[in-house]
Protein backbone atom coordinates (compact mmCIF):
# COMPACT_ATOMS: atom_id res chain seq x y z
CA MET A 1 85.89 123.55 83.29
CA THR A 2 89.57 123.51 84.29
CA HIS A 3 91.64 120.97 82.39
CA PRO A 4 92.99 118.19 84.63
CA ILE A 5 96.58 118.54 85.84
CA ILE A 6 98.80 115.45 85.98
CA HIS A 7 101.60 115.12 88.54
CA ARG A 8 103.94 112.14 88.08
CA VAL A 9 105.35 110.96 91.43
CA ARG A 10 107.14 107.95 92.83
CA THR A 11 106.00 108.19 96.44
CA LEU A 12 102.57 108.52 98.07
CA ASP A 13 102.78 109.90 101.60
CA LEU A 14 99.17 109.70 102.80
CA GLY A 15 98.69 109.96 106.53
CA PHE A 16 95.52 109.40 108.52
CA GLU A 17 94.14 111.27 111.52
CA ALA A 18 90.70 111.59 113.08
CA TRP A 19 89.02 114.85 112.08
CA PRO A 20 85.42 116.03 112.59
CA TRP A 21 84.28 117.12 109.14
CA PRO A 22 82.40 120.43 109.61
CA PHE A 23 80.31 119.90 106.46
CA ALA A 24 79.05 116.51 107.71
CA ASN A 25 78.27 117.84 111.17
CA GLU A 26 76.51 121.03 110.04
CA LYS A 27 74.43 119.36 107.31
CA CYS A 28 73.66 116.07 109.02
CA ALA A 29 69.86 116.35 108.73
CA ASP A 30 69.96 117.28 105.04
CA ILE A 31 72.51 114.53 104.41
CA GLU A 32 70.29 111.93 106.07
CA ALA A 33 67.30 113.00 103.96
CA HIS A 34 69.39 112.93 100.77
CA PHE A 35 70.70 109.45 101.53
CA ALA A 36 67.19 108.16 102.23
CA VAL A 37 66.15 109.22 98.72
CA LYS A 38 69.22 107.63 97.14
CA LYS A 39 68.73 104.42 99.07
CA ARG A 40 65.21 104.07 97.69
CA GLU A 41 66.68 104.33 94.18
CA LYS A 42 69.50 101.78 94.63
CA PRO A 43 70.64 99.23 97.24
CA ILE A 44 73.46 101.32 98.75
CA TRP A 45 74.66 101.25 102.35
CA ASN A 46 76.21 103.84 104.60
CA GLY A 47 79.68 102.46 105.26
CA ARG A 48 82.84 104.31 106.26
CA ILE A 49 85.17 105.75 103.62
CA LEU A 50 88.33 107.87 103.61
CA LEU A 51 88.60 111.38 102.18
CA GLY A 52 91.63 113.65 101.90
CA ARG A 53 92.69 117.21 102.65
CA ASP A 54 95.83 119.35 102.45
CA PRO A 55 97.20 117.88 99.19
CA ASP A 56 100.80 118.78 98.39
CA PHE A 57 102.94 117.85 95.39
CA THR A 58 106.71 118.01 95.28
CA ALA A 59 109.09 116.72 92.60
CA GLU A 60 108.49 113.02 93.28
CA ARG A 61 106.04 112.91 96.19
CA PHE A 62 102.34 113.41 96.81
CA SER A 63 101.43 114.11 100.41
CA ALA A 64 98.01 114.52 102.03
CA ARG A 65 96.08 113.86 105.23
CA TYR A 66 93.08 111.54 105.25
CA PHE A 67 90.12 111.26 107.62
CA ASP A 68 87.16 108.91 107.82
CA ALA A 69 83.58 109.86 106.98
CA ASP A 70 80.36 108.03 106.25
CA PHE A 71 79.32 107.31 102.69
CA ALA A 72 76.11 109.35 103.07
CA SER A 73 78.10 112.52 103.76
CA PHE A 74 80.43 111.82 100.84
CA LEU A 75 77.48 111.19 98.51
CA ALA A 76 75.78 114.45 99.47
CA TRP A 77 79.04 116.38 99.13
CA ARG A 78 79.52 114.93 95.65
CA ASP A 79 75.93 115.32 94.49
CA TRP A 80 75.73 118.91 95.75
CA GLY A 81 78.74 120.00 93.73
CA PHE A 82 81.54 119.63 96.34
CA PRO A 83 80.53 122.57 98.58
CA ASP A 84 83.53 122.10 100.90
CA PRO A 85 86.59 122.82 98.71
CA SER A 86 89.04 121.96 101.50
CA VAL A 87 88.31 118.23 101.00
CA PHE A 88 89.11 116.00 98.03
CA ASN A 89 88.19 112.50 96.90
CA GLY A 90 91.55 110.78 96.46
CA PHE A 91 91.60 107.17 95.27
CA GLY A 92 93.82 104.73 93.41
CA MET A 93 93.21 103.25 89.95
CA GLY A 94 94.89 100.31 88.24
CA ALA A 95 95.40 101.15 84.56
CA LEU A 96 95.57 97.68 83.04
CA ARG A 97 97.59 97.85 79.80
CA CYS A 98 97.94 94.79 77.61
CA CYS A 99 100.87 93.68 75.47
CA ASP A 100 99.16 95.09 72.34
CA GLY A 101 98.83 98.53 73.97
CA ALA A 102 95.11 98.27 74.79
CA PHE A 103 93.91 99.77 78.07
CA VAL A 104 91.16 97.75 79.80
CA LEU A 105 88.31 99.55 81.58
CA GLY A 106 85.05 98.43 83.14
CA GLU A 107 81.54 99.86 82.93
CA MET A 108 79.83 100.09 86.31
CA ALA A 109 76.70 97.98 86.67
CA GLY A 110 73.24 99.47 87.09
CA HIS A 111 72.96 98.66 90.80
CA THR A 112 76.08 100.68 91.71
CA ALA A 113 76.27 104.35 92.77
CA ASN A 114 78.16 105.18 89.54
CA ALA A 115 76.08 103.16 87.10
CA GLY A 116 77.12 103.53 83.47
CA ARG A 117 80.44 105.23 84.18
CA VAL A 118 83.54 103.65 82.67
CA TYR A 119 86.71 103.46 84.80
CA PHE A 120 89.89 101.60 85.45
CA PRO A 121 89.53 99.25 88.45
CA SER A 122 89.27 101.54 91.48
CA GLY A 123 87.43 102.34 94.66
CA THR A 124 87.22 105.05 97.28
CA PRO A 125 89.58 103.97 100.09
CA ASP A 126 88.07 102.81 103.36
CA PRO A 127 89.37 101.90 106.84
CA ASP A 128 90.49 98.48 105.55
CA ASP A 129 93.13 100.37 103.53
CA LEU A 130 94.83 101.73 106.64
CA LYS A 131 98.24 100.43 107.67
CA GLY A 132 98.77 102.02 111.03
CA ASP A 133 98.38 105.75 110.48
CA ALA A 134 98.95 105.60 106.69
CA VAL A 135 96.62 104.99 103.75
CA ASP A 136 97.82 102.11 101.54
CA ILE A 137 96.68 103.10 98.05
CA ALA A 138 98.82 100.41 96.40
CA GLY A 139 97.04 97.78 98.47
CA SER A 140 93.66 99.33 97.67
CA VAL A 141 94.41 99.14 93.93
CA ALA A 142 95.51 95.50 94.14
CA ARG A 143 92.33 94.60 96.01
CA GLU A 144 90.04 96.41 93.60
CA VAL A 145 91.75 94.89 90.55
CA GLU A 146 91.30 91.39 91.93
CA GLU A 147 87.68 92.01 92.99
CA GLU A 148 86.66 93.54 89.64
CA THR A 149 88.74 91.50 87.18
CA GLY A 150 90.02 88.38 88.97
CA LEU A 151 93.65 89.33 88.26
CA ARG A 152 96.09 88.73 91.11
CA ALA A 153 99.13 90.93 91.78
CA GLU A 154 101.57 88.35 90.41
CA GLU A 155 99.81 88.47 87.02
CA TYR A 156 100.85 92.04 86.16
CA ARG A 157 103.81 94.39 86.57
CA ALA A 158 103.08 97.60 88.47
CA SER A 159 104.83 100.77 87.34
CA ALA A 160 107.26 102.43 89.75
CA HIS A 161 105.45 105.76 89.39
CA TRP A 162 101.95 107.14 89.90
CA ASP A 163 100.18 109.66 87.68
CA CYS A 164 98.11 111.81 90.04
CA VAL A 165 95.35 113.42 87.99
CA VAL A 166 93.85 116.46 89.69
CA SER A 167 90.39 117.28 88.35
CA GLY A 168 88.38 119.61 90.56
CA ALA A 169 87.65 117.85 93.87
CA VAL A 170 89.05 114.55 92.58
CA ILE A 171 92.64 113.29 92.72
CA ALA A 172 92.96 109.97 90.89
CA MET A 173 96.24 108.20 91.66
CA ILE A 174 96.71 106.05 88.58
CA ARG A 175 99.30 103.30 88.29
CA ILE A 176 99.96 101.43 85.04
CA LEU A 177 99.71 97.66 85.40
CA GLU A 178 101.32 95.80 82.48
CA VAL A 179 99.68 92.49 81.52
CA ASP A 180 101.33 90.03 79.11
CA VAL A 181 98.19 89.14 77.14
CA THR A 182 96.28 90.91 74.37
CA GLY A 183 93.33 93.17 75.07
CA GLU A 184 90.86 90.71 73.55
CA ARG A 185 92.14 87.82 75.64
CA LEU A 186 92.07 89.80 78.85
CA ARG A 187 88.57 91.08 78.12
CA ALA A 188 87.35 87.50 77.56
CA ARG A 189 88.94 86.38 80.81
CA ILE A 190 87.38 89.22 82.82
CA GLU A 191 83.97 88.67 81.24
CA ALA A 192 84.16 84.98 82.21
CA ASN A 193 85.02 86.00 85.77
CA LEU A 194 82.06 88.41 85.89
CA ALA A 195 79.71 85.72 84.59
CA ARG A 196 80.51 83.60 87.66
CA GLN A 197 79.43 86.37 90.06
CA SER A 198 75.84 86.75 91.25
CA GLN A 199 75.99 90.57 91.32
CA PRO A 200 79.16 91.83 89.62
CA GLU A 201 80.21 95.46 89.94
CA LEU A 202 80.88 95.66 86.20
CA SER A 203 78.42 95.15 83.36
CA ARG A 204 80.76 95.46 80.39
CA ILE A 205 84.49 95.62 79.52
CA HIS A 206 85.87 98.34 77.25
CA LEU A 207 89.17 98.36 75.34
CA VAL A 208 90.86 101.65 74.49
CA ARG A 209 93.61 101.67 71.88
CA GLU A 210 93.16 105.13 70.36
CA ARG A 211 91.30 108.37 70.96
CA ARG A 212 88.20 107.31 69.05
CA ASP A 213 87.68 104.57 71.67
CA LEU A 214 87.16 107.19 74.39
CA THR A 215 83.54 107.84 75.35
CA ALA A 216 81.55 110.43 77.29
CA ALA A 217 80.95 107.79 79.99
CA MET A 218 84.64 108.00 80.94
CA PRO A 219 85.38 110.73 83.51
CA ARG A 220 87.70 113.50 82.39
CA PHE A 221 90.46 112.39 84.75
CA VAL A 222 90.47 109.00 83.01
CA THR A 223 90.52 110.34 79.46
CA ALA A 224 93.15 112.97 80.35
CA PHE A 225 95.44 110.20 81.63
CA ILE A 226 94.93 108.00 78.57
CA GLU A 227 95.53 110.94 76.22
CA SER A 228 98.77 111.74 78.02
CA GLU A 229 99.94 108.14 77.52
CA MET A 230 99.08 108.28 73.83
CA VAL A 231 101.18 111.43 73.41
CA ALA A 232 104.05 109.85 75.32
């Protein structure tokens, strides 16, 4: 497996345009059958999401074009090993870092499509993340952080740069969010917020302070980012 590559940029230039995805059109019957199986396993629904193509990195800018697709097509594309290499899954992540240096991550609950995986707050962008003909990843991150942890934008300081971690068909745009509390206090606060929800997305909160805190449940693009911060 190719080691993830990290591009540090200050600007995300992510445009949107309608585009008929050939993979989705050519495999529609197989995709429908695959989604029917997955829906029997978990309560998922076939909403609209945004995927990217034509990624380009310059010194301080990441540019790409996004299009909308249904979740069923995305799920099949992912589960079948990303058969269309011209498309990537590009999403934002909020890397919450506490005043004691601890990173805060959440474990996805059993009812979600990524059950058991451990991430920073994140989500595949959808049409609600469009501002005109541009994809607002910063807004997507702020929304996901608040939904998953209860933290509002005024409660953390967002870094001026993004670490774009390229790992196969995934590009994770990770932004450090500095929080002025300790890891233990923030974990307790998030857990209290989850306890008030009837069906929270997260089942557990993980703190990462050193390499031995990393686990196999964390995707490689997440651990590669954290390792790069530890070296820095």
